[in-house]
Each structure stands twice: as structure tokens, then as C-alpha cells.
């Protein structure tokens, strides 16, 4: 079976990118990671990708005065690699409507909360301040609504007594690595698709997100 062409977007260390790359190298994901693109030239994940032999590019957002022109150049850079899936892995940019529509159905994101709870930033701190007993991560298709696209898969992570923001973040990140690999695998196998504003798995609409089969793996 041919490998799925993928481009990954990062802004920082690229922990999820590294996890995806490791699984691809081990033959656990049928993906061809054609490039890693960052909006920050100092993103540590760029060195990780380059060391693995993956092409890297930087489209520095600080050189642009408006989002639309930045997104046009970012889109052009991505499209040179002809990906069938674009993976946001800690890409800290709000994307324009035109960009999102261009990649409709082939743009996914991972968010560190059980969406729709805690959209946006600082999710772990907000979860602790809210006193919730369960936190986690979600993978969703990206739409024009921030963190509002159809959620595909989630991993619940219990909030433990004495948790700090850092401890909770570490456990959620472990869940993220499992989640993203699972969803990308579904997409590469042709099992996961986006149609009419909904996610479909095995041709069945996901009226609610699937849950990671072994949430205990990240407690």
C-alpha cells in the first residue's frame, strides 16, 4: 500500500512530530513525512526533523504584517510537497479561513483538553483551576472555528491529587502521542474521512468522539 504523503507544522520542540516520525521509521505508520514546516526559525523540532533526513522549511511569521499574506506563503510552501494530510503538531498560529478551506478534510490538529472544554491556551492550568476530575487530549479536523472542528478521538487523563500544571501536562502529552498516531493511521488506511462537516470512521458518522481504548496507558 502506498504511503500517505504528510506535511507537519510545528512551532516548538515538536514532541508530537517526533512521536509520529518514530512510528513511521519503525513501520508502524504508513506515512511519508515529506516536510516539517515551522513559523519559528528557532523551533527545536526543526533540528530533530533534519537529523532524521526530513526536509524542513521556515516561514517566519515575524516577517509579515498580516495573517492572509503569511498564510498564502505558508500554503504555497506546503503545497510544493503535495501532502494528502497536513498535521498541526503544536503549531501556534490561528489560521485564516481561506487556508483552512484549502485543506478542508485533510487538516488535523491535536488539542490538550477534552474538547469542547478548555478551547484555546493554558488548558492544563485552567483545568486545575476549574477543579475537574478528568482532563485529556483531543484530535479534531480543523475548521474555521477555533478548536471547533469535529472531534475524532479523545484520551481522558485523570487529574490526580496534588497535580501541578507540569505534572498534568506530562501525562496529557503521553496521551497525545498515542492519539495522534492512531488517528493518522486511520486516515492513512482510508478509514477516516471528513464529509459535510462531520468526521466519518469506517463510513459511519462520528456523532461523538471515539475514546482511546486504553486510557490507563497514560495515568
N, C-alpha and C. Protein backbone atom coordinates (compact mmCIF):
# COMPACT_ATOMS: atom_id res chain seq x y z
N UNK A 1 0.85 -1.19 0.00
CA UNK A 1 0.00 0.00 0.00
C UNK A 1 0.88 1.24 0.00
N UNK A 2 0.62 2.23 -0.87
CA UNK A 2 1.44 3.44 -0.89
C UNK A 2 1.33 4.21 0.41
N UNK A 3 2.41 4.88 0.77
CA UNK A 3 2.41 5.65 2.00
C UNK A 3 1.72 6.99 1.80
N UNK A 4 1.06 7.46 2.84
CA UNK A 4 0.33 8.72 2.82
C UNK A 4 1.30 9.89 2.89
N UNK A 5 1.27 10.80 1.91
CA UNK A 5 2.16 11.97 1.98
C UNK A 5 1.66 12.96 3.04
N UNK A 6 2.56 13.35 3.94
CA UNK A 6 2.21 14.18 5.09
C UNK A 6 3.18 15.35 5.20
N UNK A 7 2.64 16.51 5.56
CA UNK A 7 3.45 17.64 5.99
C UNK A 7 3.04 17.98 7.42
N UNK A 8 4.03 18.22 8.28
CA UNK A 8 3.79 18.52 9.69
C UNK A 8 4.19 19.97 9.97
N UNK A 9 3.32 20.69 10.66
CA UNK A 9 3.61 22.07 11.05
C UNK A 9 3.89 22.13 12.55
N UNK A 10 4.98 22.81 12.92
CA UNK A 10 5.36 22.94 14.32
C UNK A 10 5.74 24.38 14.62
N UNK A 11 5.75 24.70 15.92
CA UNK A 11 6.26 26.00 16.37
C UNK A 11 7.35 25.86 17.42
N UNK A 12 7.49 24.66 18.00
CA UNK A 12 8.42 24.48 19.12
C UNK A 12 9.24 23.22 19.01
N UNK A 13 9.25 22.47 20.11
CA UNK A 13 10.14 21.31 20.18
C UNK A 13 9.69 20.15 19.31
N UNK A 14 8.40 20.11 18.96
CA UNK A 14 7.93 19.08 18.05
C UNK A 14 7.84 17.70 18.68
N UNK A 15 7.34 17.63 19.91
CA UNK A 15 7.22 16.34 20.59
C UNK A 15 6.29 15.39 19.84
N UNK A 16 5.14 15.88 19.42
CA UNK A 16 4.22 15.04 18.65
C UNK A 16 4.81 14.67 17.30
N UNK A 17 5.50 15.62 16.67
CA UNK A 17 6.18 15.32 15.41
C UNK A 17 7.17 14.18 15.59
N UNK A 18 7.96 14.25 16.67
CA UNK A 18 8.95 13.21 16.94
C UNK A 18 8.27 11.85 17.12
N UNK A 19 7.16 11.83 17.84
CA UNK A 19 6.44 10.57 18.06
C UNK A 19 5.92 10.00 16.75
N UNK A 20 5.40 10.86 15.88
CA UNK A 20 4.91 10.40 14.57
C UNK A 20 6.07 9.89 13.73
N UNK A 21 7.17 10.63 13.72
CA UNK A 21 8.35 10.24 12.96
C UNK A 21 8.89 8.90 13.44
N UNK A 22 8.97 8.72 14.75
CA UNK A 22 9.48 7.46 15.30
C UNK A 22 8.63 6.27 14.85
N UNK A 23 7.32 6.44 14.88
CA UNK A 23 6.44 5.34 14.46
C UNK A 23 6.56 5.07 12.97
N UNK A 24 6.74 6.12 12.19
CA UNK A 24 6.92 5.93 10.75
C UNK A 24 8.21 5.16 10.46
N UNK A 25 9.27 5.52 11.17
CA UNK A 25 10.56 4.84 10.98
C UNK A 25 10.45 3.36 11.36
N UNK A 26 9.69 3.08 12.40
CA UNK A 26 9.52 1.69 12.83
C UNK A 26 8.54 0.92 11.95
N UNK A 27 7.94 1.58 10.98
CA UNK A 27 6.99 0.91 10.11
C UNK A 27 5.61 0.75 10.71
N UNK A 28 5.32 1.49 11.78
CA UNK A 28 4.03 1.39 12.44
C UNK A 28 2.99 2.35 11.85
N UNK A 29 3.45 3.31 11.05
CA UNK A 29 2.56 4.22 10.35
C UNK A 29 2.97 4.26 8.88
N UNK A 30 2.00 4.06 8.00
CA UNK A 30 2.28 4.08 6.56
C UNK A 30 2.20 5.50 6.04
N UNK A 31 3.17 6.33 6.47
CA UNK A 31 3.19 7.73 6.08
C UNK A 31 4.56 8.08 5.51
N UNK A 32 4.53 9.02 4.58
CA UNK A 32 5.75 9.60 4.02
C UNK A 32 5.79 11.05 4.48
N UNK A 33 6.59 11.33 5.51
CA UNK A 33 6.68 12.69 6.04
C UNK A 33 7.57 13.49 5.10
N UNK A 34 6.94 14.27 4.26
CA UNK A 34 7.68 14.95 3.20
C UNK A 34 8.35 16.24 3.67
N UNK A 35 7.83 16.85 4.70
CA UNK A 35 8.44 18.08 5.20
C UNK A 35 7.89 18.41 6.58
N UNK A 36 8.71 19.14 7.33
CA UNK A 36 8.30 19.77 8.58
C UNK A 36 8.49 21.27 8.39
N UNK A 37 7.42 22.03 8.60
CA UNK A 37 7.43 23.47 8.37
C UNK A 37 7.14 24.18 9.69
N UNK A 38 7.89 25.24 9.96
CA UNK A 38 7.70 25.99 11.20
C UNK A 38 7.56 27.47 10.91
N UNK A 39 6.85 28.15 11.79
CA UNK A 39 6.76 29.62 11.73
C UNK A 39 7.88 30.27 12.53
N UNK A 40 8.71 29.46 13.18
CA UNK A 40 9.78 29.99 14.02
C UNK A 40 11.12 29.36 13.61
N UNK A 41 12.10 30.16 13.23
CA UNK A 41 13.38 29.60 12.82
C UNK A 41 14.14 28.92 13.95
N UNK A 42 13.81 29.26 15.20
CA UNK A 42 14.50 28.68 16.35
C UNK A 42 13.75 27.49 16.94
N UNK A 43 12.74 26.98 16.26
CA UNK A 43 11.99 25.83 16.79
C UNK A 43 12.90 24.62 16.89
N UNK A 44 13.09 24.04 18.08
CA UNK A 44 13.99 22.90 18.24
C UNK A 44 13.60 21.69 17.39
N UNK A 45 12.33 21.56 17.09
CA UNK A 45 11.88 20.42 16.30
C UNK A 45 12.45 20.39 14.90
N UNK A 46 12.87 21.54 14.38
CA UNK A 46 13.46 21.57 13.04
C UNK A 46 14.74 20.77 12.99
N UNK A 47 15.55 20.87 14.04
CA UNK A 47 16.80 20.10 14.08
C UNK A 47 16.52 18.61 14.19
N UNK A 48 15.49 18.26 14.93
CA UNK A 48 15.11 16.85 15.07
C UNK A 48 14.71 16.29 13.71
N UNK A 49 13.89 17.04 12.99
CA UNK A 49 13.43 16.58 11.68
C UNK A 49 14.60 16.47 10.70
N UNK A 50 15.46 17.49 10.68
CA UNK A 50 16.59 17.48 9.76
C UNK A 50 17.52 16.31 10.05
N UNK A 51 17.73 16.02 11.33
CA UNK A 51 18.60 14.90 11.70
C UNK A 51 18.03 13.57 11.23
N UNK A 52 16.71 13.52 11.08
CA UNK A 52 16.05 12.30 10.60
C UNK A 52 15.96 12.27 9.08
N UNK A 53 16.51 13.28 8.43
CA UNK A 53 16.51 13.31 6.97
C UNK A 53 15.25 13.86 6.35
N UNK A 54 14.44 14.54 7.16
CA UNK A 54 13.19 15.13 6.65
C UNK A 54 13.45 16.57 6.22
N UNK A 55 12.91 16.97 5.09
CA UNK A 55 13.05 18.34 4.62
C UNK A 55 12.39 19.30 5.61
N UNK A 56 13.01 20.44 5.82
CA UNK A 56 12.45 21.45 6.73
C UNK A 56 12.38 22.80 6.02
N UNK A 57 11.39 23.57 6.42
CA UNK A 57 11.24 24.94 5.91
C UNK A 57 10.77 25.83 7.04
N UNK A 58 11.14 27.11 6.95
CA UNK A 58 10.68 28.12 7.89
C UNK A 58 9.97 29.22 7.12
N UNK A 59 8.75 29.49 7.50
CA UNK A 59 8.01 30.65 7.02
C UNK A 59 7.79 31.51 8.26
N UNK A 60 8.67 32.47 8.46
CA UNK A 60 8.74 33.24 9.71
C UNK A 60 7.60 34.27 9.75
N UNK A 61 6.69 34.08 10.68
CA UNK A 61 5.53 34.97 10.76
C UNK A 61 5.92 36.41 11.12
N UNK A 62 7.10 36.58 11.71
CA UNK A 62 7.52 37.93 12.13
C UNK A 62 7.88 38.82 10.94
N UNK A 63 7.99 38.22 9.77
CA UNK A 63 8.34 38.99 8.58
C UNK A 63 7.10 39.48 7.83
N UNK A 64 5.93 39.20 8.39
CA UNK A 64 4.67 39.54 7.71
C UNK A 64 3.87 40.53 8.56
N UNK A 65 3.12 41.37 7.88
CA UNK A 65 2.31 42.36 8.58
C UNK A 65 0.84 41.96 8.69
N UNK A 66 0.45 40.91 7.98
CA UNK A 66 -0.94 40.47 8.08
C UNK A 66 -1.02 38.96 7.91
N UNK A 67 -2.08 38.40 8.48
CA UNK A 67 -2.23 36.94 8.51
C UNK A 67 -2.47 36.36 7.13
N UNK A 68 -3.25 37.04 6.30
CA UNK A 68 -3.59 36.46 5.00
C UNK A 68 -2.37 36.27 4.11
N UNK A 69 -1.49 37.25 4.07
CA UNK A 69 -0.31 37.11 3.22
C UNK A 69 0.62 36.04 3.77
N UNK A 70 0.71 35.95 5.10
CA UNK A 70 1.51 34.88 5.69
C UNK A 70 0.94 33.51 5.30
N UNK A 71 -0.35 33.36 5.45
CA UNK A 71 -0.97 32.06 5.17
C UNK A 71 -0.86 31.69 3.70
N UNK A 72 -0.87 32.66 2.82
CA UNK A 72 -0.69 32.35 1.39
C UNK A 72 0.70 31.77 1.13
N UNK A 73 1.71 32.35 1.75
CA UNK A 73 3.06 31.83 1.56
C UNK A 73 3.25 30.49 2.26
N UNK A 74 2.63 30.34 3.42
CA UNK A 74 2.68 29.05 4.11
C UNK A 74 2.02 27.97 3.26
N UNK A 75 0.87 28.28 2.71
CA UNK A 75 0.15 27.33 1.85
C UNK A 75 1.00 26.95 0.64
N UNK A 76 1.65 27.93 0.03
CA UNK A 76 2.49 27.64 -1.14
C UNK A 76 3.64 26.71 -0.77
N UNK A 77 4.23 26.93 0.41
CA UNK A 77 5.33 26.08 0.86
C UNK A 77 4.85 24.65 1.09
N UNK A 78 3.69 24.51 1.72
CA UNK A 78 3.14 23.18 1.99
C UNK A 78 2.81 22.47 0.68
N UNK A 79 2.18 23.18 -0.23
CA UNK A 79 1.69 22.55 -1.46
C UNK A 79 2.80 22.06 -2.37
N UNK A 80 3.99 22.60 -2.21
CA UNK A 80 5.12 22.09 -3.01
C UNK A 80 5.40 20.62 -2.71
N UNK A 81 4.99 20.17 -1.54
CA UNK A 81 5.22 18.77 -1.14
C UNK A 81 4.03 17.87 -1.43
N UNK A 82 2.95 18.43 -1.93
CA UNK A 82 1.75 17.69 -2.34
C UNK A 82 1.26 16.72 -1.26
N UNK A 83 1.01 17.22 -0.05
CA UNK A 83 0.53 16.31 1.00
C UNK A 83 -0.95 15.96 0.83
N UNK A 84 -1.29 14.79 1.28
CA UNK A 84 -2.70 14.41 1.38
C UNK A 84 -3.23 14.65 2.79
N UNK A 85 -2.31 14.91 3.72
CA UNK A 85 -2.70 15.23 5.09
C UNK A 85 -1.71 16.25 5.65
N UNK A 86 -2.25 17.30 6.27
CA UNK A 86 -1.44 18.31 6.95
C UNK A 86 -1.72 18.19 8.44
N UNK A 87 -0.65 18.02 9.21
CA UNK A 87 -0.76 17.72 10.63
C UNK A 87 -0.24 18.90 11.43
N UNK A 88 -1.09 19.50 12.25
CA UNK A 88 -0.68 20.57 13.15
C UNK A 88 -0.19 19.94 14.45
N UNK A 89 1.10 20.11 14.73
CA UNK A 89 1.70 19.48 15.92
C UNK A 89 2.33 20.58 16.77
N UNK A 90 1.48 21.29 17.50
CA UNK A 90 1.98 22.41 18.28
C UNK A 90 2.30 23.61 17.42
N UNK A 91 1.49 23.83 16.39
CA UNK A 91 1.67 24.99 15.52
C UNK A 91 0.85 26.13 16.11
N UNK A 92 1.54 27.13 16.67
CA UNK A 92 0.87 28.14 17.48
C UNK A 92 0.49 29.37 16.64
N UNK A 93 -0.35 29.12 15.65
CA UNK A 93 -0.87 30.19 14.81
C UNK A 93 -2.36 29.97 14.59
N UNK A 94 -3.12 31.05 14.64
CA UNK A 94 -4.52 30.98 14.22
C UNK A 94 -4.54 31.11 12.71
N UNK A 95 -5.15 30.17 12.03
CA UNK A 95 -5.10 30.10 10.57
C UNK A 95 -6.30 30.80 9.95
N UNK A 96 -6.07 31.42 8.80
CA UNK A 96 -7.13 32.16 8.12
C UNK A 96 -8.16 31.21 7.53
N UNK A 97 -9.34 31.75 7.27
CA UNK A 97 -10.44 30.95 6.72
C UNK A 97 -10.06 30.37 5.36
N UNK A 98 -9.39 31.15 4.52
CA UNK A 98 -9.00 30.65 3.19
C UNK A 98 -8.05 29.47 3.31
N UNK A 99 -7.11 29.57 4.22
CA UNK A 99 -6.15 28.47 4.43
C UNK A 99 -6.88 27.21 4.86
N UNK A 100 -7.75 27.35 5.83
CA UNK A 100 -8.48 26.19 6.36
C UNK A 100 -9.36 25.57 5.27
N UNK A 101 -10.03 26.39 4.48
CA UNK A 101 -10.87 25.85 3.41
C UNK A 101 -10.04 25.12 2.35
N UNK A 102 -8.86 25.63 2.08
CA UNK A 102 -7.98 24.99 1.08
C UNK A 102 -7.65 23.55 1.48
N UNK A 103 -7.49 23.32 2.79
CA UNK A 103 -7.11 21.98 3.27
C UNK A 103 -8.29 21.25 3.93
N UNK A 104 -9.48 21.67 3.64
CA UNK A 104 -10.65 21.05 4.27
C UNK A 104 -10.64 19.53 4.09
N UNK A 105 -10.79 18.84 5.20
CA UNK A 105 -10.83 17.38 5.16
C UNK A 105 -9.47 16.72 5.18
N UNK A 106 -8.39 17.52 5.14
CA UNK A 106 -7.05 16.94 5.22
C UNK A 106 -6.13 17.76 6.11
N UNK A 107 -6.75 18.42 7.09
CA UNK A 107 -6.02 19.23 8.07
C UNK A 107 -6.51 18.84 9.46
N UNK A 108 -5.59 18.33 10.28
CA UNK A 108 -5.98 17.88 11.62
C UNK A 108 -5.09 18.54 12.67
N UNK A 109 -5.64 18.61 13.89
CA UNK A 109 -4.95 19.27 15.00
C UNK A 109 -5.13 18.43 16.25
N UNK A 110 -4.17 18.57 17.15
CA UNK A 110 -4.31 17.94 18.46
C UNK A 110 -4.38 19.05 19.50
N UNK A 111 -5.32 18.90 20.43
CA UNK A 111 -5.56 19.94 21.42
C UNK A 111 -5.53 19.33 22.81
N UNK A 112 -4.81 19.95 23.76
CA UNK A 112 -4.67 19.36 25.09
C UNK A 112 -5.85 19.64 26.02
N UNK A 113 -7.00 19.14 25.64
CA UNK A 113 -8.17 19.13 26.52
C UNK A 113 -9.20 18.19 25.92
N UNK A 114 -10.22 17.90 26.68
CA UNK A 114 -11.34 17.11 26.17
C UNK A 114 -12.35 18.08 25.57
N UNK A 115 -12.12 18.43 24.32
CA UNK A 115 -13.00 19.39 23.65
C UNK A 115 -14.46 18.94 23.72
N UNK A 116 -15.40 19.86 23.87
CA UNK A 116 -15.25 21.32 23.74
C UNK A 116 -14.77 22.06 24.99
N UNK A 117 -14.38 21.34 26.03
CA UNK A 117 -13.88 22.01 27.23
C UNK A 117 -12.51 22.64 26.95
N UNK A 118 -12.31 23.82 27.50
CA UNK A 118 -10.99 24.48 27.51
C UNK A 118 -10.39 24.65 26.12
N UNK A 119 -11.16 25.27 25.24
CA UNK A 119 -10.58 25.67 23.97
C UNK A 119 -9.53 26.77 24.22
N UNK A 120 -8.61 26.92 23.27
CA UNK A 120 -7.61 27.97 23.40
C UNK A 120 -6.39 27.52 24.18
N UNK A 121 -5.78 28.48 24.90
CA UNK A 121 -4.47 28.26 25.53
C UNK A 121 -4.60 27.93 27.01
N UNK A 122 -3.45 27.54 27.61
CA UNK A 122 -3.32 27.31 29.06
C UNK A 122 -4.34 26.31 29.58
N UNK A 123 -4.52 25.24 28.83
CA UNK A 123 -5.59 24.30 29.16
C UNK A 123 -5.35 23.57 30.48
N UNK A 124 -4.11 23.21 30.77
CA UNK A 124 -3.83 22.43 31.98
C UNK A 124 -4.08 23.28 33.23
N UNK A 125 -3.62 24.50 33.21
CA UNK A 125 -3.85 25.40 34.34
C UNK A 125 -5.33 25.65 34.52
N UNK A 126 -6.03 25.87 33.45
CA UNK A 126 -7.47 26.14 33.54
C UNK A 126 -8.23 24.92 34.05
N UNK A 127 -7.78 23.72 33.66
CA UNK A 127 -8.43 22.50 34.17
C UNK A 127 -8.23 22.37 35.67
N UNK A 128 -7.02 22.67 36.13
CA UNK A 128 -6.76 22.59 37.57
C UNK A 128 -7.56 23.64 38.33
N UNK A 129 -7.62 24.85 37.79
CA UNK A 129 -8.37 25.91 38.46
C UNK A 129 -9.87 25.62 38.48
N UNK A 130 -10.35 24.88 37.47
CA UNK A 130 -11.77 24.54 37.42
C UNK A 130 -12.11 23.37 38.33
N UNK A 131 -11.10 22.67 38.83
CA UNK A 131 -11.34 21.55 39.75
C UNK A 131 -11.93 20.32 39.10
N UNK A 132 -11.70 20.14 37.79
CA UNK A 132 -12.24 18.96 37.12
C UNK A 132 -11.48 17.70 37.55
N UNK A 133 -12.15 16.58 37.49
CA UNK A 133 -11.51 15.31 37.87
C UNK A 133 -10.87 14.61 36.68
N UNK A 134 -11.21 15.08 35.48
CA UNK A 134 -10.71 14.44 34.27
C UNK A 134 -10.33 15.49 33.25
N UNK A 135 -9.17 15.31 32.68
CA UNK A 135 -8.66 16.21 31.64
C UNK A 135 -8.30 15.31 30.45
N UNK A 136 -7.46 15.76 29.54
CA UNK A 136 -7.08 14.86 28.45
C UNK A 136 -6.70 15.60 27.20
N UNK A 137 -6.86 14.92 26.06
CA UNK A 137 -6.47 15.49 24.76
C UNK A 137 -7.45 15.02 23.70
N UNK A 138 -7.53 15.81 22.61
CA UNK A 138 -8.46 15.53 21.52
C UNK A 138 -7.77 15.76 20.18
N UNK A 139 -8.08 14.92 19.21
CA UNK A 139 -7.68 15.16 17.83
C UNK A 139 -8.93 15.50 17.03
N UNK A 140 -8.84 16.57 16.24
CA UNK A 140 -10.02 17.01 15.50
C UNK A 140 -9.64 17.50 14.11
N UNK A 141 -10.59 17.43 13.20
CA UNK A 141 -10.44 18.10 11.92
C UNK A 141 -10.51 19.61 12.16
N UNK A 142 -9.69 20.35 11.42
CA UNK A 142 -9.65 21.80 11.59
C UNK A 142 -10.69 22.45 10.68
N UNK A 143 -11.49 23.32 11.28
CA UNK A 143 -12.46 24.13 10.55
C UNK A 143 -12.18 25.60 10.88
N UNK A 144 -13.02 26.48 10.38
CA UNK A 144 -12.81 27.90 10.59
C UNK A 144 -13.04 28.31 12.05
N UNK A 145 -13.73 27.48 12.81
CA UNK A 145 -13.97 27.78 14.22
C UNK A 145 -12.80 27.28 15.05
N UNK A 146 -12.19 28.14 15.86
CA UNK A 146 -11.02 27.78 16.64
C UNK A 146 -11.31 26.61 17.57
N UNK A 147 -10.54 25.54 17.39
CA UNK A 147 -10.69 24.32 18.20
C UNK A 147 -12.12 23.79 18.16
N UNK A 148 -12.82 24.07 17.05
CA UNK A 148 -14.23 23.73 16.99
C UNK A 148 -14.60 22.71 15.94
N UNK A 149 -13.63 22.17 15.20
CA UNK A 149 -13.94 21.17 14.19
C UNK A 149 -14.35 19.85 14.81
N UNK A 150 -14.93 18.96 14.01
CA UNK A 150 -15.40 17.69 14.55
C UNK A 150 -14.28 16.88 15.20
N UNK A 151 -14.53 16.47 16.44
CA UNK A 151 -13.54 15.72 17.20
C UNK A 151 -13.59 14.25 16.80
N UNK A 152 -12.42 13.69 16.57
CA UNK A 152 -12.31 12.32 16.08
C UNK A 152 -12.07 11.34 17.23
N UNK A 153 -11.06 11.65 18.04
CA UNK A 153 -10.63 10.72 19.09
C UNK A 153 -10.15 11.52 20.28
N UNK A 154 -10.47 11.01 21.47
CA UNK A 154 -10.04 11.65 22.71
C UNK A 154 -9.41 10.63 23.64
N UNK A 155 -8.56 11.13 24.53
CA UNK A 155 -7.98 10.30 25.59
C UNK A 155 -8.21 11.00 26.92
N UNK A 156 -9.03 10.43 27.79
CA UNK A 156 -9.19 11.03 29.11
C UNK A 156 -7.97 10.75 29.98
N UNK A 157 -7.58 11.74 30.74
CA UNK A 157 -6.46 11.62 31.68
C UNK A 157 -6.94 12.11 33.04
N UNK A 158 -6.88 11.26 34.06
CA UNK A 158 -7.38 11.69 35.37
C UNK A 158 -6.52 12.80 35.97
N UNK A 159 -7.18 13.72 36.65
CA UNK A 159 -6.47 14.74 37.41
C UNK A 159 -6.25 14.17 38.81
N UNK A 160 -5.01 14.10 39.22
CA UNK A 160 -4.65 13.44 40.47
C UNK A 160 -4.48 14.45 41.60
N UNK A 161 -4.66 13.99 42.80
CA UNK A 161 -4.45 14.85 43.96
C UNK A 161 -3.01 15.37 43.96
N UNK A 162 -2.86 16.65 44.16
CA UNK A 162 -1.53 17.23 44.20
C UNK A 162 -0.95 17.54 42.84
N UNK A 163 -1.72 17.35 41.78
CA UNK A 163 -1.22 17.63 40.44
C UNK A 163 -0.79 19.10 40.31
N UNK A 164 0.32 19.30 39.64
CA UNK A 164 0.71 20.63 39.21
C UNK A 164 0.43 20.73 37.71
N UNK A 165 0.53 21.93 37.18
CA UNK A 165 0.34 22.12 35.75
C UNK A 165 1.34 21.27 34.97
N UNK A 166 2.58 21.21 35.45
CA UNK A 166 3.62 20.48 34.73
C UNK A 166 3.37 18.96 34.77
N UNK A 167 2.98 18.45 35.92
CA UNK A 167 2.73 17.01 36.02
C UNK A 167 1.56 16.60 35.14
N UNK A 168 0.52 17.37 35.18
CA UNK A 168 -0.65 17.06 34.36
C UNK A 168 -0.29 17.16 32.87
N UNK A 169 0.47 18.17 32.51
CA UNK A 169 0.87 18.34 31.11
C UNK A 169 1.69 17.16 30.61
N UNK A 170 2.55 16.62 31.46
CA UNK A 170 3.38 15.48 31.07
C UNK A 170 2.53 14.27 30.75
N UNK A 171 1.52 14.00 31.57
CA UNK A 171 0.66 12.84 31.33
C UNK A 171 -0.24 13.05 30.11
N UNK A 172 -0.72 14.27 29.93
CA UNK A 172 -1.54 14.55 28.75
C UNK A 172 -0.70 14.40 27.48
N UNK A 173 0.55 14.83 27.52
CA UNK A 173 1.41 14.72 26.34
C UNK A 173 1.61 13.26 25.94
N UNK A 174 1.75 12.39 26.92
CA UNK A 174 1.85 10.95 26.61
C UNK A 174 0.60 10.47 25.90
N UNK A 175 -0.56 10.97 26.33
CA UNK A 175 -1.82 10.61 25.67
C UNK A 175 -1.85 11.16 24.25
N UNK A 176 -1.34 12.37 24.05
CA UNK A 176 -1.32 12.97 22.72
C UNK A 176 -0.56 12.09 21.73
N UNK A 177 0.57 11.56 22.16
CA UNK A 177 1.38 10.73 21.25
C UNK A 177 0.60 9.50 20.79
N UNK A 178 -0.14 8.90 21.68
CA UNK A 178 -0.96 7.74 21.32
C UNK A 178 -2.11 8.13 20.42
N UNK A 179 -2.75 9.24 20.75
CA UNK A 179 -3.91 9.70 19.99
C UNK A 179 -3.55 10.01 18.54
N UNK A 180 -2.52 10.81 18.36
CA UNK A 180 -2.19 11.27 17.01
C UNK A 180 -1.81 10.11 16.11
N UNK A 181 -1.02 9.20 16.63
CA UNK A 181 -0.63 8.04 15.83
C UNK A 181 -1.84 7.23 15.40
N UNK A 182 -2.79 7.07 16.31
CA UNK A 182 -3.99 6.30 15.98
C UNK A 182 -4.79 6.97 14.87
N UNK A 183 -5.02 8.28 15.00
CA UNK A 183 -5.83 8.99 14.02
C UNK A 183 -5.13 9.05 12.66
N UNK A 184 -3.84 9.31 12.66
CA UNK A 184 -3.11 9.35 11.39
C UNK A 184 -3.12 7.97 10.73
N UNK A 185 -3.03 6.93 11.54
CA UNK A 185 -3.13 5.58 11.00
C UNK A 185 -4.48 5.33 10.35
N UNK A 186 -5.56 5.75 10.99
CA UNK A 186 -6.90 5.60 10.40
C UNK A 186 -6.98 6.33 9.06
N UNK A 187 -6.44 7.55 9.03
CA UNK A 187 -6.51 8.34 7.79
C UNK A 187 -5.69 7.66 6.69
N UNK A 188 -4.51 7.17 7.03
CA UNK A 188 -3.65 6.55 6.02
C UNK A 188 -4.26 5.27 5.47
N UNK A 189 -5.08 4.62 6.26
CA UNK A 189 -5.73 3.37 5.84
C UNK A 189 -7.03 3.63 5.08
N UNK A 190 -7.41 4.90 4.94
CA UNK A 190 -8.65 5.24 4.25
C UNK A 190 -9.89 5.04 5.09
N UNK A 191 -9.71 4.84 6.38
CA UNK A 191 -10.86 4.60 7.27
C UNK A 191 -11.50 5.89 7.75
N UNK A 192 -10.72 6.97 7.81
CA UNK A 192 -11.18 8.23 8.37
C UNK A 192 -11.32 9.26 7.26
N UNK A 193 -12.48 9.93 7.22
CA UNK A 193 -12.72 10.97 6.24
C UNK A 193 -13.60 12.06 6.83
N UNK A 194 -13.59 13.20 6.15
CA UNK A 194 -14.39 14.36 6.55
C UNK A 194 -15.37 14.65 5.42
N UNK A 195 -16.66 14.64 5.75
CA UNK A 195 -17.68 14.92 4.74
C UNK A 195 -18.81 15.72 5.37
N UNK A 196 -19.24 16.74 4.64
CA UNK A 196 -20.42 17.51 5.06
C UNK A 196 -20.34 17.99 6.51
N UNK A 197 -19.13 18.43 6.89
CA UNK A 197 -18.95 18.98 8.23
C UNK A 197 -18.84 17.96 9.34
N UNK A 198 -18.72 16.68 8.99
CA UNK A 198 -18.62 15.63 10.00
C UNK A 198 -17.44 14.72 9.73
N UNK A 199 -16.95 14.11 10.80
CA UNK A 199 -15.93 13.07 10.67
C UNK A 199 -16.62 11.73 10.50
N UNK A 200 -16.09 10.92 9.59
CA UNK A 200 -16.61 9.57 9.36
C UNK A 200 -15.49 8.56 9.59
N UNK A 201 -15.79 7.54 10.35
CA UNK A 201 -14.86 6.43 10.57
C UNK A 201 -15.52 5.15 10.09
N UNK A 202 -14.86 4.49 9.17
CA UNK A 202 -15.42 3.28 8.56
C UNK A 202 -16.81 3.54 7.99
N UNK A 203 -16.95 4.71 7.34
CA UNK A 203 -18.18 5.15 6.68
C UNK A 203 -19.33 5.43 7.63
N UNK A 204 -19.03 5.50 8.93
CA UNK A 204 -20.07 5.82 9.91
C UNK A 204 -19.79 7.20 10.51
N UNK A 205 -20.79 8.08 10.55
CA UNK A 205 -20.55 9.41 11.12
C UNK A 205 -20.24 9.33 12.61
N UNK A 206 -19.28 10.14 13.04
CA UNK A 206 -18.93 10.19 14.46
C UNK A 206 -19.76 11.29 15.12
N UNK A 207 -20.90 10.89 15.66
CA UNK A 207 -21.76 11.86 16.33
C UNK A 207 -21.16 12.29 17.66
N UNK A 208 -20.27 11.47 18.20
CA UNK A 208 -19.48 11.82 19.38
C UNK A 208 -18.09 11.22 19.18
N UNK A 209 -17.07 11.79 19.80
CA UNK A 209 -15.71 11.31 19.57
C UNK A 209 -15.51 9.87 20.04
N UNK A 210 -14.67 9.15 19.34
CA UNK A 210 -14.19 7.88 19.85
C UNK A 210 -13.28 8.15 21.05
N UNK A 211 -13.17 7.16 21.92
CA UNK A 211 -12.30 7.27 23.08
C UNK A 211 -11.14 6.30 22.96
N UNK A 212 -9.97 6.74 23.38
CA UNK A 212 -8.80 5.86 23.32
C UNK A 212 -9.08 4.58 24.08
N UNK A 213 -8.78 3.45 23.46
CA UNK A 213 -9.16 2.15 24.02
C UNK A 213 -8.51 1.88 25.37
N UNK A 214 -7.30 2.43 25.59
CA UNK A 214 -6.60 2.14 26.84
C UNK A 214 -6.16 3.42 27.52
N UNK A 215 -7.12 4.16 28.10
CA UNK A 215 -6.74 5.40 28.78
C UNK A 215 -5.81 5.16 29.96
N UNK A 216 -5.82 3.94 30.49
CA UNK A 216 -4.93 3.63 31.60
C UNK A 216 -3.47 3.71 31.23
N UNK A 217 -3.19 3.72 29.94
CA UNK A 217 -1.79 3.78 29.48
C UNK A 217 -1.15 5.11 29.82
N UNK A 218 -1.97 6.13 30.10
CA UNK A 218 -1.40 7.45 30.35
C UNK A 218 -1.77 7.99 31.73
N UNK A 219 -2.15 7.12 32.64
CA UNK A 219 -2.43 7.59 34.01
C UNK A 219 -1.14 7.84 34.75
